[in-house]
């Protein structure tokens, strides 16, 4: 009588694959002075000069060491991306379409992002373009509670720093985020702490907020934005922020329970012609983009 070996081979192969994935998930890989694109299972440590050529997804934690510079090509060699729904403000915005997201890179971290620079060794996330512009690359999205972004510069994005999910123990502090077509810190889906940052040059908001839970947003300097801080919903403590030269200082929607304490607002001049451009698309400092 013949014994069928195929099922046993299949089981053994599947078991080995699972073991390999589990091993990779708990392992750590270091990357230094290299180009990067694609999916990575396990923890990553980046240092030196990292060149991002397409969407990067880290299925683990990402640690970026002091002094590292991460440059994003104006492109996406993976050609992946999804369309962002129209929301009444961005309806004609070409960067919400797949034609943009499939040609521009982003960084997604399933776990924690630990990027702790210093005054002498800052961490920089920027465009690789010779003459950088707004929305040269998409955003940094991270999901792990306990994340720390400290003494980092993020610039020339569509959507800046983009924490998602419950992150009551995560902090963005002492960081510069600037030159963003949308928001410099887009935390609508997270309760991360946002403390003592300098945020500027954003066509939507310096910070947007939505999470339904106590969230500290304090000590930030926000200037030259369409709106300084937008609380769309949820509850936040917004205190000791200085907001200057913005179309709106703080927008509080009827669905929000944000509490404002000791903030300073100096609006843009009434005759300001400031606007943010992406090709022919323009966002004026006051009101809505043309439809």
Protein backbone atom coordinates (compact mmCIF):
# COMPACT_ATOMS: atom_id res chain seq x y z
CA UNK A 1 0.00 0.00 0.00
CA UNK A 2 1.43 3.40 -1.09
CA UNK A 3 1.79 6.18 1.51
CA UNK A 4 0.91 9.63 0.22
CA UNK A 5 3.71 11.94 1.26
CA UNK A 6 2.44 15.18 -0.28
CA UNK A 7 0.21 16.23 2.67
CA UNK A 8 3.11 15.72 5.12
CA UNK A 9 5.44 17.77 2.93
CA UNK A 10 2.82 20.53 2.77
CA UNK A 11 2.45 20.57 6.58
CA UNK A 12 6.21 20.66 7.14
CA UNK A 13 6.64 23.43 4.56
CA UNK A 14 3.83 25.50 6.11
CA UNK A 15 5.34 25.01 9.58
CA UNK A 16 8.78 26.16 8.41
CA UNK A 17 7.26 29.23 6.77
CA UNK A 18 5.45 30.15 10.01
CA UNK A 19 8.66 29.65 12.01
CA UNK A 20 10.57 31.87 9.56
CA UNK A 21 7.93 34.64 9.74
CA UNK A 22 7.86 34.53 13.56
CA UNK A 23 11.66 34.64 13.67
CA UNK A 24 11.78 37.57 11.28
CA UNK A 25 9.05 39.42 13.20
CA UNK A 26 11.10 39.35 16.42
CA UNK A 27 14.47 39.93 14.76
CA UNK A 28 16.23 43.26 14.19
CA UNK A 29 17.87 44.39 10.96
CA UNK A 30 20.24 47.35 10.73
CA UNK A 31 20.37 49.54 7.65
CA UNK A 32 23.13 52.11 7.03
CA UNK A 33 23.79 54.28 3.97
CA UNK A 34 21.45 52.38 1.67
CA UNK A 35 18.41 52.62 -0.59
CA UNK A 36 15.17 51.09 0.61
CA UNK A 37 11.69 50.19 -0.65
CA UNK A 38 9.10 47.49 0.10
CA UNK A 39 7.84 45.33 2.99
CA UNK A 40 10.06 44.45 5.94
CA UNK A 41 9.11 41.97 8.67
CA UNK A 42 10.74 42.60 12.04
CA UNK A 43 12.38 45.55 13.74
CA UNK A 44 14.58 47.98 11.81
CA UNK A 45 17.40 50.29 12.91
CA UNK A 46 18.32 53.02 10.43
CA UNK A 47 21.43 55.21 10.52
CA UNK A 48 23.54 57.27 8.16
CA UNK A 49 21.91 58.25 4.87
CA UNK A 50 18.80 56.32 3.89
CA UNK A 51 17.31 56.83 0.42
CA UNK A 52 13.63 55.83 0.06
CA UNK A 53 12.70 54.94 -3.52
CA UNK A 54 9.18 53.61 -2.92
CA UNK A 55 6.58 52.95 -0.23
CA UNK A 56 8.14 51.32 2.85
CA UNK A 57 6.13 49.21 5.32
CA UNK A 58 7.91 48.08 8.50
CA UNK A 59 5.98 45.27 10.21
CA UNK A 60 7.69 45.88 13.55
CA UNK A 61 9.38 48.81 15.28
CA UNK A 62 11.59 51.36 13.54
CA UNK A 63 14.45 53.06 15.39
CA UNK A 64 16.17 55.94 13.60
CA UNK A 65 19.51 56.83 15.20
CA UNK A 66 20.73 60.39 15.92
CA UNK A 67 22.26 62.14 12.92
CA UNK A 68 20.43 60.02 10.34
CA UNK A 69 19.06 61.63 7.18
CA UNK A 70 16.19 59.92 5.36
CA UNK A 71 15.57 61.27 1.86
CA UNK A 72 12.50 60.40 -0.21
CA UNK A 73 12.71 60.22 -3.98
CA UNK A 74 9.93 62.06 -5.81
CA UNK A 75 8.47 58.78 -7.01
CA UNK A 76 7.37 55.29 -5.97
CA UNK A 77 9.05 52.31 -7.58
CA UNK A 78 6.30 50.07 -6.15
CA UNK A 79 3.48 52.10 -7.73
CA UNK A 80 1.18 51.44 -4.78
CA UNK A 81 -1.37 53.75 -3.18
CA UNK A 82 -5.03 54.45 -2.48
CA UNK A 83 -7.31 57.37 -3.16
CA UNK A 84 -8.27 59.68 -0.30
CA UNK A 85 -11.99 60.48 -0.18
CA UNK A 86 -13.19 63.97 -1.02
CA UNK A 87 -14.15 65.88 2.12
CA UNK A 88 -15.52 69.17 0.84
CA UNK A 89 -12.15 70.90 1.19
CA UNK A 90 -9.83 68.72 -0.86
CA UNK A 91 -12.28 67.77 -3.66
CA UNK A 92 -10.09 69.13 -6.48
CA UNK A 93 -6.79 68.36 -4.78
CA UNK A 94 -4.75 66.14 -7.13
CA UNK A 95 -2.72 64.73 -4.23
CA UNK A 96 -5.74 62.85 -2.88
CA UNK A 97 -5.96 60.76 -6.09
CA UNK A 98 -4.30 57.43 -6.88
CA UNK A 99 -2.37 59.17 -9.63
CA UNK A 100 -0.49 60.93 -6.82
CA UNK A 101 -0.25 58.17 -4.20
CA UNK A 102 1.08 55.64 -6.73
CA UNK A 103 3.84 58.04 -7.77
CA UNK A 104 4.93 59.32 -4.33
CA UNK A 105 6.44 57.41 -1.42
CA UNK A 106 5.39 57.04 2.21
CA UNK A 107 6.76 55.36 5.33
CA UNK A 108 4.44 53.13 7.40
CA UNK A 109 5.46 51.58 10.74
CA UNK A 110 3.14 48.98 12.24
CA UNK A 111 4.87 49.20 15.63
CA UNK A 112 6.71 51.98 17.43
CA UNK A 113 8.69 54.76 15.83
CA UNK A 114 11.68 55.74 17.96
CA UNK A 115 13.42 58.73 16.39
CA UNK A 116 15.36 60.61 19.07
CA UNK A 117 17.79 63.13 17.73
CA UNK A 118 19.64 65.92 19.51
CA UNK A 119 20.63 69.53 18.88
CA UNK A 120 24.01 68.42 17.56
CA UNK A 121 22.72 65.29 15.80
CA UNK A 122 19.19 65.97 14.54
CA UNK A 123 17.27 63.40 12.52
CA UNK A 124 15.99 64.66 9.16
CA UNK A 125 13.23 63.29 6.93
CA UNK A 126 13.19 65.29 3.70
CA UNK A 127 12.84 65.30 -0.08
CA UNK A 128 15.66 64.06 -2.28
CA UNK A 129 14.75 66.62 -4.97
CA UNK A 130 17.38 69.18 -5.92
CA UNK A 131 14.69 71.88 -5.58
CA UNK A 132 12.18 70.42 -3.08
CA UNK A 133 8.50 71.36 -3.06
CA UNK A 134 5.35 70.67 -1.08
CA UNK A 135 4.10 67.05 -1.29
CA UNK A 136 7.32 65.64 -2.78
CA UNK A 137 6.54 62.62 -0.57
CA UNK A 138 3.49 61.55 1.43
CA UNK A 139 3.90 61.06 5.18
CA UNK A 140 5.28 59.08 8.11
CA UNK A 141 2.51 56.88 9.53
CA UNK A 142 3.09 54.96 12.77
CA UNK A 143 0.87 52.89 15.02
CA UNK A 144 2.77 51.71 18.11
CA UNK A 145 2.09 53.09 21.60
CA UNK A 146 5.31 54.22 23.26
CA UNK A 147 6.59 55.92 20.11
CA UNK A 148 8.96 58.88 20.56
CA UNK A 149 9.71 61.56 17.97
CA UNK A 150 12.17 64.03 19.48
CA UNK A 151 14.47 66.60 17.83
CA UNK A 152 13.46 65.57 14.33
CA UNK A 153 12.88 67.64 11.17
CA UNK A 154 10.16 66.55 8.72
CA UNK A 155 9.69 68.59 5.54
CA UNK A 156 8.27 68.76 2.00
CA UNK A 157 5.47 66.27 2.66
CA UNK A 158 1.83 66.03 1.80
CA UNK A 159 0.82 65.04 5.33
CA UNK A 160 3.80 65.27 7.73
CA UNK A 161 3.78 63.10 10.84
CA UNK A 162 0.71 60.89 10.92
CA UNK A 163 0.29 58.83 14.14
CA UNK A 164 -2.72 56.49 14.17
CA UNK A 165 -4.52 54.45 16.83
CA UNK A 166 -4.42 54.63 20.61
CA UNK A 167 -1.06 56.05 21.67
CA UNK A 168 -1.46 57.61 25.14
CA UNK A 169 2.22 56.93 25.92
CA UNK A 170 3.62 58.29 22.66
CA UNK A 171 5.11 61.77 22.27
CA UNK A 172 6.09 64.15 19.47
CA UNK A 173 8.29 66.84 21.01
CA UNK A 174 11.02 69.36 20.18
CA UNK A 175 10.42 68.65 16.51
CA UNK A 176 10.23 70.79 13.37
CA UNK A 177 7.58 69.85 10.81
CA UNK A 178 7.21 72.21 7.87
CA UNK A 179 6.43 72.69 4.17
CA UNK A 180 3.37 70.41 4.06
CA UNK A 181 0.56 70.69 1.53
CA UNK A 182 -1.84 69.24 4.13
CA UNK A 183 -0.92 69.02 7.84
CA UNK A 184 2.43 69.08 9.60
CA UNK A 185 1.13 66.76 12.36
CA UNK A 186 -1.99 64.86 11.34
CA UNK A 187 -3.06 63.15 14.55
CA UNK A 188 -6.80 62.96 13.92
CA UNK A 189 -6.85 59.22 14.65
CA UNK A 190 -4.47 59.19 17.63
CA UNK A 191 -4.23 60.59 21.16
CA UNK A 192 -0.45 61.09 21.03
CA UNK A 193 1.02 63.96 23.10
CA UNK A 194 2.20 66.90 20.97
CA UNK A 195 4.56 69.12 22.98
CA UNK A 196 7.00 71.98 22.26
CA UNK A 197 7.22 71.61 18.49
CA UNK A 198 7.71 74.23 15.76
CA UNK A 199 5.18 73.69 12.98
CA UNK A 200 4.96 75.90 9.90
CA UNK A 201 3.97 76.32 6.26
CA UNK A 202 0.94 74.01 6.00
CA UNK A 203 -1.93 74.33 3.54
CA UNK A 204 -4.42 72.65 5.89
CA UNK A 205 -3.46 72.65 9.61
CA UNK A 206 -0.46 72.78 11.84
CA UNK A 207 -2.19 70.06 13.91
CA UNK A 208 -5.50 68.25 13.43
CA UNK A 209 -7.22 66.42 16.28
CA UNK A 210 -10.14 64.03 16.47
CA UNK A 211 -9.44 61.29 19.03
CA UNK A 212 -12.10 60.88 21.73
CA UNK A 213 -9.86 60.88 24.78
CA UNK A 214 -7.75 63.27 26.79
CA UNK A 215 -4.86 64.49 24.68
CA UNK A 216 -2.22 67.11 25.53
CA UNK A 217 -1.29 69.64 22.87
CA UNK A 218 0.94 72.21 24.57
CA UNK A 219 3.83 74.62 24.11
CA UNK A 220 3.83 74.45 20.31
CA UNK A 221 4.81 77.34 18.03
CA UNK A 222 2.64 77.26 14.90
CA UNK A 223 2.97 79.80 12.12
CA UNK A 224 2.12 80.37 8.47
CA UNK A 225 -0.67 77.80 8.15
CA UNK A 226 -4.22 77.81 6.80
CA UNK A 227 -5.38 76.82 10.31
CA UNK A 228 -3.17 76.58 13.38
CA UNK A 229 -4.99 73.76 15.20
CA UNK A 230 -8.20 72.04 14.06
CA UNK A 231 -10.15 70.00 16.62
CA UNK A 232 -12.63 68.10 14.51
CA UNK A 233 -14.03 65.94 17.32
CA UNK A 234 -13.00 64.22 20.55
CA UNK A 235 -11.52 65.98 23.58
CA UNK A 236 -8.14 67.64 23.98
CA UNK A 237 -6.35 70.05 26.28
CA UNK A 238 -4.87 72.74 24.04
CA UNK A 239 -2.69 75.01 26.15
CA UNK A 240 0.23 77.44 25.99
CA UNK A 241 0.51 77.33 22.20
CA UNK A 242 1.56 80.36 20.15
CA UNK A 243 -0.19 80.56 16.77
CA UNK A 244 0.73 83.36 14.36
CA UNK A 245 0.09 84.36 10.74
CA UNK A 246 -2.58 81.70 10.16
CA UNK A 247 -5.97 82.07 8.47
CA UNK A 248 -7.60 80.57 11.57
CA UNK A 249 -5.97 80.22 14.99
CA UNK A 250 -7.88 77.27 16.44
CA UNK A 251 -10.94 75.75 14.80
CA UNK A 252 -13.24 73.90 17.21
CA UNK A 253 -16.05 71.96 15.55
CA UNK A 254 -19.44 71.46 17.27
CA UNK A 255 -18.50 67.78 17.78
CA UNK A 256 -15.35 68.71 19.73
CA UNK A 257 -14.89 69.09 23.47
CA UNK A 258 -11.47 70.69 23.29
CA UNK A 259 -10.41 72.93 26.18
CA UNK A 260 -8.36 76.05 25.36
CA UNK A 261 -5.97 77.37 28.03
CA UNK A 262 -3.52 80.31 27.73
CA UNK A 263 -2.98 80.19 23.98
CA UNK A 264 -1.75 83.19 21.97
CA UNK A 265 -3.35 83.89 18.57
CA UNK A 266 -2.14 86.45 16.03
CA UNK A 267 -4.02 86.05 12.76
CA UNK A 268 -2.66 86.67 9.29
CA UNK A 269 -3.37 90.17 7.93
CA UNK A 270 -6.80 90.54 6.33
CA UNK A 271 -5.21 91.36 2.99
CA UNK A 272 -2.85 88.37 3.03
CA UNK A 273 -2.53 86.70 -0.37
CA UNK A 274 -0.63 83.69 1.02
CA UNK A 275 -1.44 80.41 -0.74
CA UNK A 276 -0.13 76.85 -1.08
CA UNK A 277 0.32 75.36 -4.54
CA UNK A 278 0.59 71.95 -6.10
CA UNK A 279 0.73 72.43 -9.85
CA UNK A 280 -2.35 74.48 -10.77
CA UNK A 281 -4.13 73.61 -7.51
CA UNK A 282 -4.09 76.39 -4.93
CA UNK A 283 -5.12 76.65 -1.28
CA UNK A 284 -5.64 80.26 -0.12
CA UNK A 285 -4.89 81.26 3.46
CA UNK A 286 -8.52 82.32 3.96
CA UNK A 287 -11.54 80.27 2.91
CA UNK A 288 -11.68 77.22 0.68
CA UNK A 289 -9.86 76.26 -2.50
CA UNK A 290 -11.79 77.17 -5.64
CA UNK A 291 -14.20 74.50 -6.88
